[in-house]
Amino acid sequence: GVNQSPDLSWSDPPAGAQSFAVTMYDPDAPTGSGWWHWVVF
């Protein structure tokens, strides 16, 4: 692959939101604990 992060857009956050985080997780990875692909905060 090219390994480019995808575009993402969001709307209607809950009241009181002071920041956001984005995660990408694979629960199917054969590790016993899944696989974290992207963690942004």
Full PDB file with SEQRES, HELIX, SHEET, SSBOND, CRYST1, ORIGX, SCALE, CONECT and MASTER records, all heavy atoms in Angstrom:
SEQRES   1 A   41  GLY VAL ASN GLN SER PRO ASP LEU SER TRP SER ASP PRO          
SEQRES   2 A   41  PRO ALA GLY ALA GLN SER PHE ALA VAL THR MET TYR ASP          
SEQRES   3 A   41  PRO ASP ALA PRO THR GLY SER GLY TRP TRP HIS TRP VAL          
SEQRES   4 A   41  VAL PHE                                                      
SHEET    1 AA1 2 VAL A  22  ASP A  26  0                                        
SHEET    2 AA1 2 TRP A  35  VAL A  40 -1                                        
CRYST1    1.000    1.000    1.000  90.00  90.00  90.00 P 1           1          
ORIGX1      1.000000  0.000000  0.000000        0.00000                         
ORIGX2      0.000000  1.000000  0.000000        0.00000                         
ORIGX3      0.000000  0.000000  1.000000        0.00000                         
SCALE1      1.000000  0.000000  0.000000        0.00000                         
SCALE2      0.000000  1.000000  0.000000        0.00000                         
SCALE3      0.000000  0.000000  1.000000        0.00000                         
ATOM      1  N   GLY A   1       0.803  -1.215   0.000  1.00  0.00           N  
ATOM      2  CA  GLY A   1       0.000   0.000   0.000  1.00  0.00           C  
ATOM      3  C   GLY A   1       0.837   1.267   0.000  1.00  0.00           C  
ATOM      4  O   GLY A   1       2.064   1.231  -0.116  1.00  0.00           O  
ATOM      5  N   VAL A   2       0.160   2.402   0.152  1.00  0.00           N  
ATOM      6  CA  VAL A   2       0.795   3.720   0.161  1.00  0.00           C  
ATOM      7  C   VAL A   2       0.959   4.241   1.589  1.00  0.00           C  
ATOM      8  O   VAL A   2       1.776   5.115   1.847  1.00  0.00           O  
ATOM      9  CB  VAL A   2      -0.022   4.704  -0.709  1.00  0.00           C  
ATOM     10  CG1 VAL A   2       0.629   6.074  -0.762  1.00  0.00           C  
ATOM     11  CG2 VAL A   2      -0.182   4.146  -2.119  1.00  0.00           C  
ATOM     12  N   ASN A   3       0.194   3.717   2.537  1.00  0.00           N  
ATOM     13  CA  ASN A   3       0.259   4.053   3.964  1.00  0.00           C  
ATOM     14  C   ASN A   3      -0.071   5.517   4.246  1.00  0.00           C  
ATOM     15  O   ASN A   3       0.594   6.179   5.028  1.00  0.00           O  
ATOM     16  CB  ASN A   3       1.620   3.679   4.561  1.00  0.00           C  
ATOM     17  CG  ASN A   3       1.542   3.535   6.069  1.00  0.00           C  
ATOM     18  OD1 ASN A   3       0.648   2.862   6.579  1.00  0.00           O  
ATOM     19  ND2 ASN A   3       2.451   4.159   6.784  1.00  0.00           N  
ATOM     20  N   GLN A   4      -1.120   6.031   3.620  1.00  0.00           N  
ATOM     21  CA  GLN A   4      -1.573   7.395   3.880  1.00  0.00           C  
ATOM     22  C   GLN A   4      -2.762   7.367   4.834  1.00  0.00           C  
ATOM     23  O   GLN A   4      -3.708   6.602   4.619  1.00  0.00           O  
ATOM     24  CB  GLN A   4      -2.007   8.085   2.592  1.00  0.00           C  
ATOM     25  CG  GLN A   4      -0.873   8.337   1.634  1.00  0.00           C  
ATOM     26  CD  GLN A   4      -1.344   9.032   0.369  1.00  0.00           C  
ATOM     27  OE1 GLN A   4      -2.529   9.141   0.104  1.00  0.00           O  
ATOM     28  NE2 GLN A   4      -0.399   9.501  -0.413  1.00  0.00           N  
ATOM     29  N   SER A   5      -2.716   8.213   5.851  1.00  0.00           N  
ATOM     30  CA  SER A   5      -3.856   8.305   6.754  1.00  0.00           C  
ATOM     31  C   SER A   5      -5.074   8.832   5.995  1.00  0.00           C  
ATOM     32  O   SER A   5      -4.942   9.642   5.069  1.00  0.00           O  
ATOM     33  CB  SER A   5      -3.520   9.206   7.942  1.00  0.00           C  
ATOM     34  OG  SER A   5      -3.163  10.507   7.519  1.00  0.00           O  
ATOM     35  N   PRO A   6      -6.273   8.357   6.351  1.00  0.00           N  
ATOM     36  CA  PRO A   6      -7.480   8.774   5.636  1.00  0.00           C  
ATOM     37  C   PRO A   6      -7.939  10.170   6.055  1.00  0.00           C  
ATOM     38  O   PRO A   6      -7.614  10.646   7.139  1.00  0.00           O  
ATOM     39  CB  PRO A   6      -8.508   7.731   6.068  1.00  0.00           C  
ATOM     40  CG  PRO A   6      -8.075   7.341   7.440  1.00  0.00           C  
ATOM     41  CD  PRO A   6      -6.564   7.375   7.395  1.00  0.00           C  
ATOM     42  N   ASP A   7      -8.733  10.804   5.171  1.00  0.00           N  
ATOM     43  CA  ASP A   7      -9.398  12.043   5.560  1.00  0.00           C  
ATOM     44  C   ASP A   7     -10.527  11.671   6.511  1.00  0.00           C  
ATOM     45  O   ASP A   7     -11.155  10.611   6.378  1.00  0.00           O  
ATOM     46  CB  ASP A   7      -9.964  12.760   4.328  1.00  0.00           C  
ATOM     47  CG  ASP A   7     -11.232  12.089   3.822  1.00  0.00           C  
ATOM     48  OD1 ASP A   7     -11.150  10.976   3.257  1.00  0.00           O  
ATOM     49  OD2 ASP A   7     -12.316  12.665   4.022  1.00  0.00           O  
ATOM     50  N   LEU A   8     -10.758  12.508   7.503  1.00  0.00           N  
ATOM     51  CA  LEU A   8     -11.834  12.299   8.464  1.00  0.00           C  
ATOM     52  C   LEU A   8     -12.471  13.652   8.765  1.00  0.00           C  
ATOM     53  O   LEU A   8     -11.757  14.653   8.891  1.00  0.00           O  
ATOM     54  CB  LEU A   8     -11.305  11.701   9.769  1.00  0.00           C  
ATOM     55  CG  LEU A   8     -10.585  10.360   9.682  1.00  0.00           C  
ATOM     56  CD1 LEU A   8      -9.926  10.019  11.010  1.00  0.00           C  
ATOM     57  CD2 LEU A   8     -11.555   9.261   9.266  1.00  0.00           C  
ATOM     58  N   SER A   9     -13.775  13.683   8.890  1.00  0.00           N  
ATOM     59  CA  SER A   9     -14.450  14.898   9.336  1.00  0.00           C  
ATOM     60  C   SER A   9     -15.551  14.496  10.309  1.00  0.00           C  
ATOM     61  O   SER A   9     -16.149  13.432  10.185  1.00  0.00           O  
ATOM     62  CB  SER A   9     -15.018  15.684   8.153  1.00  0.00           C  
ATOM     63  OG  SER A   9     -15.975  14.925   7.468  1.00  0.00           O  
ATOM     64  N   TRP A  10     -15.789  15.350  11.286  1.00  0.00           N  
ATOM     65  CA  TRP A  10     -16.796  15.047  12.297  1.00  0.00           C  
ATOM     66  C   TRP A  10     -17.631  16.283  12.577  1.00  0.00           C  
ATOM     67  O   TRP A  10     -17.225  17.409  12.309  1.00  0.00           O  
ATOM     68  CB  TRP A  10     -16.166  14.480  13.564  1.00  0.00           C  
ATOM     69  CG  TRP A  10     -15.063  15.303  14.168  1.00  0.00           C  
ATOM     70  CD1 TRP A  10     -15.191  16.297  15.105  1.00  0.00           C  
ATOM     71  CD2 TRP A  10     -13.659  15.208  13.883  1.00  0.00           C  
ATOM     72  NE1 TRP A  10     -13.955  16.820  15.411  1.00  0.00           N  
ATOM     73  CE2 TRP A  10     -12.999  16.167  14.677  1.00  0.00           C  
ATOM     74  CE3 TRP A  10     -12.909  14.402  13.032  1.00  0.00           C  
ATOM     75  CZ2 TRP A  10     -11.614  16.340  14.650  1.00  0.00           C  
ATOM     76  CZ3 TRP A  10     -11.532  14.580  13.001  1.00  0.00           C  
ATOM     77  CH2 TRP A  10     -10.901  15.531  13.809  1.00  0.00           C  
ATOM     78  N   SER A  11     -18.830  16.018  13.125  1.00  0.00           N  
ATOM     79  CA  SER A  11     -19.755  17.096  13.430  1.00  0.00           C  
ATOM     80  C   SER A  11     -20.566  16.734  14.670  1.00  0.00           C  
ATOM     81  O   SER A  11     -20.574  15.591  15.112  1.00  0.00           O  
ATOM     82  CB  SER A  11     -20.678  17.344  12.234  1.00  0.00           C  
ATOM     83  OG  SER A  11     -21.388  16.171  11.911  1.00  0.00           O  
ATOM     84  N   ASP A  12     -21.252  17.738  15.198  1.00  0.00           N  
ATOM     85  CA  ASP A  12     -22.147  17.583  16.348  1.00  0.00           C  
ATOM     86  C   ASP A  12     -21.478  16.967  17.582  1.00  0.00           C  
ATOM     87  O   ASP A  12     -21.977  15.987  18.148  1.00  0.00           O  
ATOM     88  CB  ASP A  12     -23.380  16.748  15.964  1.00  0.00           C  
ATOM     89  CG  ASP A  12     -24.178  17.377  14.849  1.00  0.00           C  
ATOM     90  OD1 ASP A  12     -24.283  18.621  14.831  1.00  0.00           O  
ATOM     91  OD2 ASP A  12     -24.683  16.635  13.990  1.00  0.00           O  
ATOM     92  N   PRO A  13     -20.342  17.554  18.030  1.00  0.00           N  
ATOM     93  CA  PRO A  13     -19.727  17.010  19.244  1.00  0.00           C  
ATOM     94  C   PRO A  13     -20.610  17.272  20.461  1.00  0.00           C  
ATOM     95  O   PRO A  13     -21.426  18.207  20.454  1.00  0.00           O  
ATOM     96  CB  PRO A  13     -18.410  17.788  19.343  1.00  0.00           C  
ATOM     97  CG  PRO A  13     -18.688  19.078  18.649  1.00  0.00           C  
ATOM     98  CD  PRO A  13     -19.644  18.735  17.536  1.00  0.00           C  
ATOM     99  N   PRO A  14     -20.468  16.472  21.498  1.00  0.00           N  
ATOM    100  CA  PRO A  14     -21.255  16.693  22.705  1.00  0.00           C  
ATOM    101  C   PRO A  14     -20.859  18.003  23.394  1.00  0.00           C  
ATOM    102  O   PRO A  14     -19.723  18.470  23.259  1.00  0.00           O  
ATOM    103  CB  PRO A  14     -20.933  15.489  23.589  1.00  0.00           C  
ATOM    104  CG  PRO A  14     -19.822  14.765  22.946  1.00  0.00           C  
ATOM    105  CD  PRO A  14     -19.619  15.300  21.580  1.00  0.00           C  
ATOM    106  N   ALA A  15     -21.796  18.572  24.120  1.00  0.00           N  
ATOM    107  CA  ALA A  15     -21.520  19.784  24.889  1.00  0.00           C  
ATOM    108  C   ALA A  15     -20.361  19.532  25.846  1.00  0.00           C  
ATOM    109  O   ALA A  15     -20.235  18.440  26.407  1.00  0.00           O  
ATOM    110  CB  ALA A  15     -22.771  20.195  25.666  1.00  0.00           C  
ATOM    111  N   GLY A  16     -19.500  20.511  26.000  1.00  0.00           N  
ATOM    112  CA  GLY A  16     -18.377  20.394  26.925  1.00  0.00           C  
ATOM    113  C   GLY A  16     -17.122  19.818  26.319  1.00  0.00           C  
ATOM    114  O   GLY A  16     -16.108  19.686  27.012  1.00  0.00           O  
ATOM    115  N   ALA A  17     -17.145  19.471  25.040  1.00  0.00           N  
ATOM    116  CA  ALA A  17     -15.947  18.910  24.398  1.00  0.00           C  
ATOM    117  C   ALA A  17     -14.846  19.966  24.377  1.00  0.00           C  
ATOM    118  O   ALA A  17     -15.037  21.066  23.868  1.00  0.00           O  
ATOM    119  CB  ALA A  17     -16.258  18.436  22.988  1.00  0.00           C  
ATOM    120  N   GLN A  18     -13.706  19.623  24.949  1.00  0.00           N  
ATOM    121  CA  GLN A  18     -12.560  20.536  25.011  1.00  0.00           C  
ATOM    122  C   GLN A  18     -11.443  20.125  24.063  1.00  0.00           C  
ATOM    123  O   GLN A  18     -10.514  20.885  23.837  1.00  0.00           O  
ATOM    124  CB  GLN A  18     -12.036  20.635  26.439  1.00  0.00           C  
ATOM    125  CG  GLN A  18     -13.042  21.241  27.400  1.00  0.00           C  
ATOM    126  CD  GLN A  18     -12.445  21.413  28.770  1.00  0.00           C  
ATOM    127  OE1 GLN A  18     -11.313  21.882  28.911  1.00  0.00           O  
ATOM    128  NE2 GLN A  18     -13.188  21.033  29.797  1.00  0.00           N  
ATOM    129  N   SER A  19     -11.492  18.901  23.571  1.00  0.00           N  
ATOM    130  CA  SER A  19     -10.522  18.417  22.585  1.00  0.00           C  
ATOM    131  C   SER A  19     -11.067  17.133  21.983  1.00  0.00           C  
ATOM    132  O   SER A  19     -12.108  16.630  22.408  1.00  0.00           O  
ATOM    133  CB  SER A  19      -9.142  18.181  23.212  1.00  0.00           C  
ATOM    134  OG  SER A  19      -9.164  17.073  24.096  1.00  0.00           O  
ATOM    135  N   PHE A  20     -10.326  16.629  20.980  1.00  0.00           N  
ATOM    136  CA  PHE A  20     -10.706  15.378  20.328  1.00  0.00           C  
ATOM    137  C   PHE A  20      -9.508  14.453  20.257  1.00  0.00           C  
ATOM    138  O   PHE A  20      -8.359  14.891  20.326  1.00  0.00           O  
ATOM    139  CB  PHE A  20     -11.206  15.643  18.900  1.00  0.00           C  
ATOM    140  CG  PHE A  20     -12.442  16.470  18.848  1.00  0.00           C  
ATOM    141  CD1 PHE A  20     -12.368  17.835  18.624  1.00  0.00           C  
ATOM    142  CD2 PHE A  20     -13.690  15.889  19.043  1.00  0.00           C  
ATOM    143  CE1 PHE A  20     -13.513  18.616  18.585  1.00  0.00           C  
ATOM    144  CE2 PHE A  20     -14.835  16.662  19.008  1.00  0.00           C  
ATOM    145  CZ  PHE A  20     -14.751  18.028  18.777  1.00  0.00           C  
ATOM    146  N   ALA A  21      -9.803  13.179  20.096  1.00  0.00           N  
ATOM    147  CA  ALA A  21      -8.777  12.164  19.824  1.00  0.00           C  
ATOM    148  C   ALA A  21      -9.300  11.303  18.680  1.00  0.00           C  
ATOM    149  O   ALA A  21     -10.513  11.153  18.508  1.00  0.00           O  
ATOM    150  CB  ALA A  21      -8.520  11.300  21.049  1.00  0.00           C  
ATOM    151  N   VAL A  22      -8.384  10.765  17.891  1.00  0.00           N  
ATOM    152  CA  VAL A  22      -8.731   9.847  16.810  1.00  0.00           C  
ATOM    153  C   VAL A  22      -7.917   8.576  17.008  1.00  0.00           C  
ATOM    154  O   VAL A  22      -6.702   8.642  17.262  1.00  0.00           O  
ATOM    155  CB  VAL A  22      -8.435  10.468  15.424  1.00  0.00           C  
ATOM    156  CG1 VAL A  22      -8.559   9.424  14.322  1.00  0.00           C  
ATOM    157  CG2 VAL A  22      -9.368  11.644  15.154  1.00  0.00           C  
ATOM    158  N   THR A  23      -8.576   7.440  16.906  1.00  0.00           N  
ATOM    159  CA  THR A  23      -7.877   6.161  17.020  1.00  0.00           C  
ATOM    160  C   THR A  23      -8.279   5.250  15.868  1.00  0.00           C  
ATOM    161  O   THR A  23      -9.381   5.363  15.329  1.00  0.00           O  
ATOM    162  CB  THR A  23      -8.200   5.450  18.356  1.00  0.00           C  
ATOM    163  OG1 THR A  23      -9.616   5.231  18.456  1.00  0.00           O  
ATOM    164  CG2 THR A  23      -7.717   6.258  19.545  1.00  0.00           C  
ATOM    165  N   MET A  24      -7.357   4.366  15.517  1.00  0.00           N  
ATOM    166  CA  MET A  24      -7.643   3.305  14.551  1.00  0.00           C  
ATOM    167  C   MET A  24      -7.139   2.011  15.178  1.00  0.00           C  
ATOM    168  O   MET A  24      -5.961   1.897  15.530  1.00  0.00           O  
ATOM    169  CB  MET A  24      -6.949   3.557  13.226  1.00  0.00           C  
ATOM    170  CG  MET A  24      -7.263   2.514  12.165  1.00  0.00           C  
ATOM    171  SD  MET A  24      -6.587   3.054  10.576  1.00  0.00           S  
ATOM    172  CE  MET A  24      -6.775   1.552   9.622  1.00  0.00           C  
ATOM    173  N   TYR A  25      -8.044   1.054  15.320  1.00  0.00           N  
ATOM    174  CA  TYR A  25      -7.765  -0.167  16.070  1.00  0.00           C  
ATOM    175  C   TYR A  25      -8.286  -1.380  15.299  1.00  0.00           C  
ATOM    176  O   TYR A  25      -9.373  -1.343  14.728  1.00  0.00           O  
ATOM    177  CB  TYR A  25      -8.457  -0.068  17.437  1.00  0.00           C  
ATOM    178  CG  TYR A  25      -8.325  -1.283  18.300  1.00  0.00           C  
ATOM    179  CD1 TYR A  25      -7.116  -1.607  18.903  1.00  0.00           C  
ATOM    180  CD2 TYR A  25      -9.410  -2.107  18.523  1.00  0.00           C  
ATOM    181  CE1 TYR A  25      -7.001  -2.727  19.703  1.00  0.00           C  
ATOM    182  CE2 TYR A  25      -9.305  -3.233  19.327  1.00  0.00           C  
ATOM    183  CZ  TYR A  25      -8.090  -3.539  19.916  1.00  0.00           C  
ATOM    184  OH  TYR A  25      -7.980  -4.650  20.709  1.00  0.00           O  
ATOM    185  N   ASP A  26      -7.506  -2.454  15.302  1.00  0.00           N  
ATOM    186  CA  ASP A  26      -7.881  -3.721  14.674  1.00  0.00           C  
ATOM    187  C   ASP A  26      -8.103  -4.759  15.771  1.00  0.00           C  
ATOM    188  O   ASP A  26      -7.130  -5.309  16.311  1.00  0.00           O  
ATOM    189  CB  ASP A  26      -6.768  -4.172  13.721  1.00  0.00           C  
ATOM    190  CG  ASP A  26      -6.987  -5.571  13.156  1.00  0.00           C  
ATOM    191  OD1 ASP A  26      -8.054  -6.177  13.382  1.00  0.00           O  
ATOM    192  OD2 ASP A  26      -6.059  -6.058  12.484  1.00  0.00           O  
ATOM    193  N   PRO A  27      -9.366  -5.056  16.117  1.00  0.00           N  
ATOM    194  CA  PRO A  27      -9.621  -6.058  17.152  1.00  0.00           C  
ATOM    195  C   PRO A  27      -9.356  -7.486  16.685  1.00  0.00           C  
ATOM    196  O   PRO A  27      -9.292  -8.396  17.505  1.00  0.00           O  
ATOM    197  CB  PRO A  27     -11.108  -5.859  17.478  1.00  0.00           C  
ATOM    198  CG  PRO A  27     -11.689  -5.353  16.206  1.00  0.00           C  
ATOM    199  CD  PRO A  27     -10.610  -4.486  15.590  1.00  0.00           C  
ATOM    200  N   ASP A  28      -9.195  -7.678  15.367  1.00  0.00           N  
ATOM    201  CA  ASP A  28      -9.016  -9.017  14.803  1.00  0.00           C  
ATOM    202  C   ASP A  28      -7.552  -9.456  14.713  1.00  0.00           C  
ATOM    203  O   ASP A  28      -7.279 -10.595  14.322  1.00  0.00           O  
ATOM    204  CB  ASP A  28      -9.627  -9.085  13.399  1.00  0.00           C  
ATOM    205  CG  ASP A  28     -11.107  -8.757  13.395  1.00  0.00           C  
ATOM    206  OD1 ASP A  28     -11.817  -9.187  14.324  1.00  0.00           O  
ATOM    207  OD2 ASP A  28     -11.549  -8.054  12.465  1.00  0.00           O  
ATOM    208  N   ALA A  29      -6.622  -8.562  15.022  1.00  0.00           N  
ATOM    209  CA  ALA A  29      -5.201  -8.917  14.917  1.00  0.00           C  
ATOM    210  C   ALA A  29      -4.907 -10.128  15.806  1.00  0.00           C  
ATOM    211  O   ALA A  29      -5.407 -10.215  16.926  1.00  0.00           O  
ATOM    212  CB  ALA A  29      -4.332  -7.736  15.325  1.00  0.00           C  
ATOM    213  N   PRO A  30      -4.098 -11.072  15.321  1.00  0.00           N  
ATOM    214  CA  PRO A  30      -3.838 -12.297  16.072  1.00  0.00           C  
ATOM    215  C   PRO A  30      -2.789 -12.100  17.171  1.00  0.00           C  
ATOM    216  O   PRO A  30      -1.761 -12.764  17.211  1.00  0.00           O  
ATOM    217  CB  PRO A  30      -3.351 -13.267  14.987  1.00  0.00           C  
ATOM    218  CG  PRO A  30      -2.694 -12.382  13.986  1.00  0.00           C  
ATOM    219  CD  PRO A  30      -3.488 -11.110  13.988  1.00  0.00           C  
ATOM    220  N   THR A  31      -3.081 -11.163  18.079  1.00  0.00           N  
ATOM    221  CA  THR A  31      -2.133 -10.839  19.146  1.00  0.00           C  
ATOM    222  C   THR A  31      -2.673 -11.152  20.534  1.00  0.00           C  
ATOM    223  O   THR A  31      -1.929 -11.133  21.499  1.00  0.00           O  
ATOM    224  CB  THR A  31      -1.797  -9.334  19.121  1.00  0.00           C  
ATOM    225  OG1 THR A  31      -2.998  -8.602  19.398  1.00  0.00           O  
ATOM    226  CG2 THR A  31      -1.218  -8.905  17.792  1.00  0.00           C  
ATOM    227  N   GLY A  32      -3.968 -11.345  20.643  1.00  0.00           N  
ATOM    228  CA  GLY A  32      -4.594 -11.498  21.948  1.00  0.00           C  
ATOM    229  C   GLY A  32      -5.046 -10.161  22.507  1.00  0.00           C  
ATOM    230  O   GLY A  32      -5.804 -10.118  23.469  1.00  0.00           O  
ATOM    231  N   SER A  33      -4.564  -9.064  21.928  1.00  0.00           N  
ATOM    232  CA  SER A  33      -4.939  -7.734  22.418  1.00  0.00           C  
ATOM    233  C   SER A  33      -5.247  -6.759  21.290  1.00  0.00           C  
ATOM    234  O   SER A  33      -5.313  -5.558  21.514  1.00  0.00           O  
ATOM    235  CB  SER A  33      -3.821  -7.168  23.301  1.00  0.00           C  
ATOM    236  OG  SER A  33      -2.620  -7.036  22.563  1.00  0.00           O  
ATOM    237  N   GLY A  34      -5.413  -7.247  20.070  1.00  0.00           N  
ATOM    238  CA  GLY A  34      -5.687  -6.361  18.946  1.00  0.00           C  
ATOM    239  C   GLY A  34      -4.443  -5.606  18.512  1.00  0.00           C  
ATOM    240  O   GLY A  34      -3.316  -5.957  18.897  1.00  0.00           O  
ATOM    241  N   TRP A  35      -4.640  -4.559  17.689  1.00  0.00           N  
ATOM    242  CA  TRP A  35      -3.505  -3.801  17.149  1.00  0.00           C  
ATOM    243  C   TRP A  35      -3.909  -2.345  16.972  1.00  0.00           C  
ATOM    244  O   TRP A  35      -4.899  -2.038  16.304  1.00  0.00           O  
ATOM    245  CB  TRP A  35      -3.094  -4.390  15.800  1.00  0.00           C  
ATOM    246  CG  TRP A  35      -1.779  -3.892  15.283  1.00  0.00           C  
ATOM    247  CD1 TRP A  35      -1.550  -2.765  14.539  1.00  0.00           C  
ATOM    248  CD2 TRP A  35      -0.501  -4.500  15.471  1.00  0.00           C  
ATOM    249  NE1 TRP A  35      -0.226  -2.639  14.245  1.00  0.00           N  
ATOM    250  CE2 TRP A  35       0.445  -3.701  14.807  1.00  0.00           C  
ATOM    251  CE3 TRP A  35      -0.073  -5.648  16.124  1.00  0.00           C  
ATOM    252  CZ2 TRP A  35       1.795  -4.009  14.773  1.00  0.00           C  
ATOM    253  CZ3 TRP A  35       1.261  -5.956  16.088  1.00  0.00           C  
ATOM    254  CH2 TRP A  35       2.193  -5.151  15.426  1.00  0.00           C  
ATOM    255  N   TRP A  36      -3.140  -1.435  17.590  1.00  0.00           N  
ATOM    256  CA  TRP A  36      -3.366   0.003  17.453  1.00  0.00           C  
ATOM    257  C   TRP A  36      -2.610   0.499  16.232  1.00  0.00           C  
ATOM    258  O   TRP A  36      -1.388   0.418  16.169  1.00  0.00           O  
ATOM    259  CB  TRP A  36      -2.897   0.744  18.699  1.00  0.00           C  
ATOM    260  CG  TRP A  36      -3.755   0.451  19.889  1.00  0.00           C  
ATOM    261  CD1 TRP A  36      -3.506  -0.461  20.869  1.00  0.00           C  
ATOM    262  CD2 TRP A  36      -4.994   1.062  20.214  1.00  0.00           C  
ATOM    263  NE1 TRP A  36      -4.535  -0.464  21.779  1.00  0.00           N  
ATOM    264  CE2 TRP A  36      -5.453   0.467  21.403  1.00  0.00           C  
ATOM    265  CE3 TRP A  36      -5.770   2.053  19.605  1.00  0.00           C  
ATOM    266  CZ2 TRP A  36      -6.657   0.848  22.003  1.00  0.00           C  
ATOM    267  CZ3 TRP A  36      -6.960   2.421  20.221  1.00  0.00           C  
ATOM    268  CH2 TRP A  36      -7.388   1.819  21.397  1.00  0.00           C  
ATOM    269  N   HIS A  37      -3.351   1.052  15.255  1.00  0.00           N  
ATOM    270  CA  HIS A  37      -2.774   1.546  14.005  1.00  0.00           C  
ATOM    271  C   HIS A  37      -2.547   3.051  13.986  1.00  0.00           C  
ATOM    272  O   HIS A  37      -1.728   3.545  13.208  1.00  0.00           O  
ATOM    273  CB  HIS A  37      -3.687   1.179  12.824  1.00  0.00           C  
ATOM    274  CG  HIS A  37      -3.620  -0.263  12.482  1.00  0.00           C  
ATOM    275  ND1 HIS A  37      -2.801  -0.758  11.491  1.00  0.00           N  
ATOM    276  CD2 HIS A  37      -4.257  -1.338  13.012  1.00  0.00           C  
ATOM    277  CE1 HIS A  37      -2.940  -2.060  11.413  1.00  0.00           C  
ATOM    278  NE2 HIS A  37      -3.821  -2.443  12.323  1.00  0.00           N  
ATOM    279  N   TRP A  38      -3.290   3.788  14.818  1.00  0.00           N  
ATOM    280  CA  TRP A  38      -3.154   5.244  14.827  1.00  0.00           C  
ATOM    281  C   TRP A  38      -3.750   5.762  16.113  1.00  0.00           C  
ATOM    282  O   TRP A  38      -4.859   5.379  16.492  1.00  0.00           O  
ATOM    283  CB  TRP A  38      -3.883   5.832  13.640  1.00  0.00           C  
ATOM    284  CG  TRP A  38      -3.499   7.220  13.209  1.00  0.00           C  
ATOM    285  CD1 TRP A  38      -2.333   7.886  13.463  1.00  0.00           C  
ATOM    286  CD2 TRP A  38      -4.280   8.109  12.396  1.00  0.00           C  
ATOM    287  NE1 TRP A  38      -2.344   9.116  12.857  1.00  0.00           N  
ATOM    288  CE2 TRP A  38      -3.525   9.276  12.201  1.00  0.00           C  
ATOM    289  CE3 TRP A  38      -5.540   8.019  11.821  1.00  0.00           C  
ATOM    290  CZ2 TRP A  38      -3.992  10.355  11.453  1.00  0.00           C  
ATOM    291  CZ3 TRP A  38      -6.011   9.083  11.068  1.00  0.00           C  
ATOM    292  CH2 TRP A  38      -5.240  10.237  10.893  1.00  0.00           C  
ATOM    293  N   VAL A  39      -3.004   6.617  16.811  1.00  0.00           N  
ATOM    294  CA  VAL A  39      -3.472   7.225  18.056  1.00  0.00           C  
ATOM    295  C   VAL A  39      -3.103   8.703  18.003  1.00  0.00           C  
ATOM    296  O   VAL A  39      -1.918   9.059  18.012  1.00  0.00           O  
ATOM    297  CB  VAL A  39      -2.833   6.551  19.300  1.00  0.00           C  
ATOM    298  CG1 VAL A  39      -3.369   7.169  20.578  1.00  0.00           C  
ATOM    299  CG2 VAL A  39      -3.069   5.037  19.291  1.00  0.00           C  
ATOM    300  N   VAL A  40      -4.112   9.568  17.915  1.00  0.00           N  
ATOM    301  CA  VAL A  40      -3.930  11.010  17.797  1.00  0.00           C  
ATOM    302  C   VAL A  40      -4.770  11.673  18.887  1.00  0.00           C  
ATOM    303  O   VAL A  40      -5.944  11.319  19.047  1.00  0.00           O  
ATOM    304  CB  VAL A  40      -4.413  11.522  16.420  1.00  0.00           C  
ATOM    305  CG1 VAL A  40      -4.079  12.994  16.241  1.00  0.00           C  
ATOM    306  CG2 VAL A  40      -3.855  10.694  15.282  1.00  0.00           C  
ATOM    307  N   PHE A  41      -4.196  12.613  19.610  1.00  0.00           N  
ATOM    308  CA  PHE A  41      -4.964  13.287  20.664  1.00  0.00           C  
ATOM    309  C   PHE A  41      -4.505  14.731  20.822  1.00  0.00           C  
ATOM    310  O   PHE A  41      -3.596  15.170  20.130  1.00  0.00           O  
ATOM    311  CB  PHE A  41      -4.883  12.516  21.987  1.00  0.00           C  
ATOM    312  CG  PHE A  41      -3.491  12.154  22.421  1.00  0.00           C  
ATOM    313  CD1 PHE A  41      -2.705  13.046  23.145  1.00  0.00           C  
ATOM    314  CD2 PHE A  41      -2.970  10.906  22.118  1.00  0.00           C  
ATOM    315  CE1 PHE A  41      -1.422  12.705  23.540  1.00  0.00           C  
ATOM    316  CE2 PHE A  41      -1.691  10.558  22.515  1.00  0.00           C  
ATOM    317  CZ  PHE A  41      -0.912  11.458  23.239  1.00  0.00           C  
TER     318      PHE A  41                                                      
MASTER        0    0    0    0    2    0    0    6  317    1    0    4          
END                                                                             
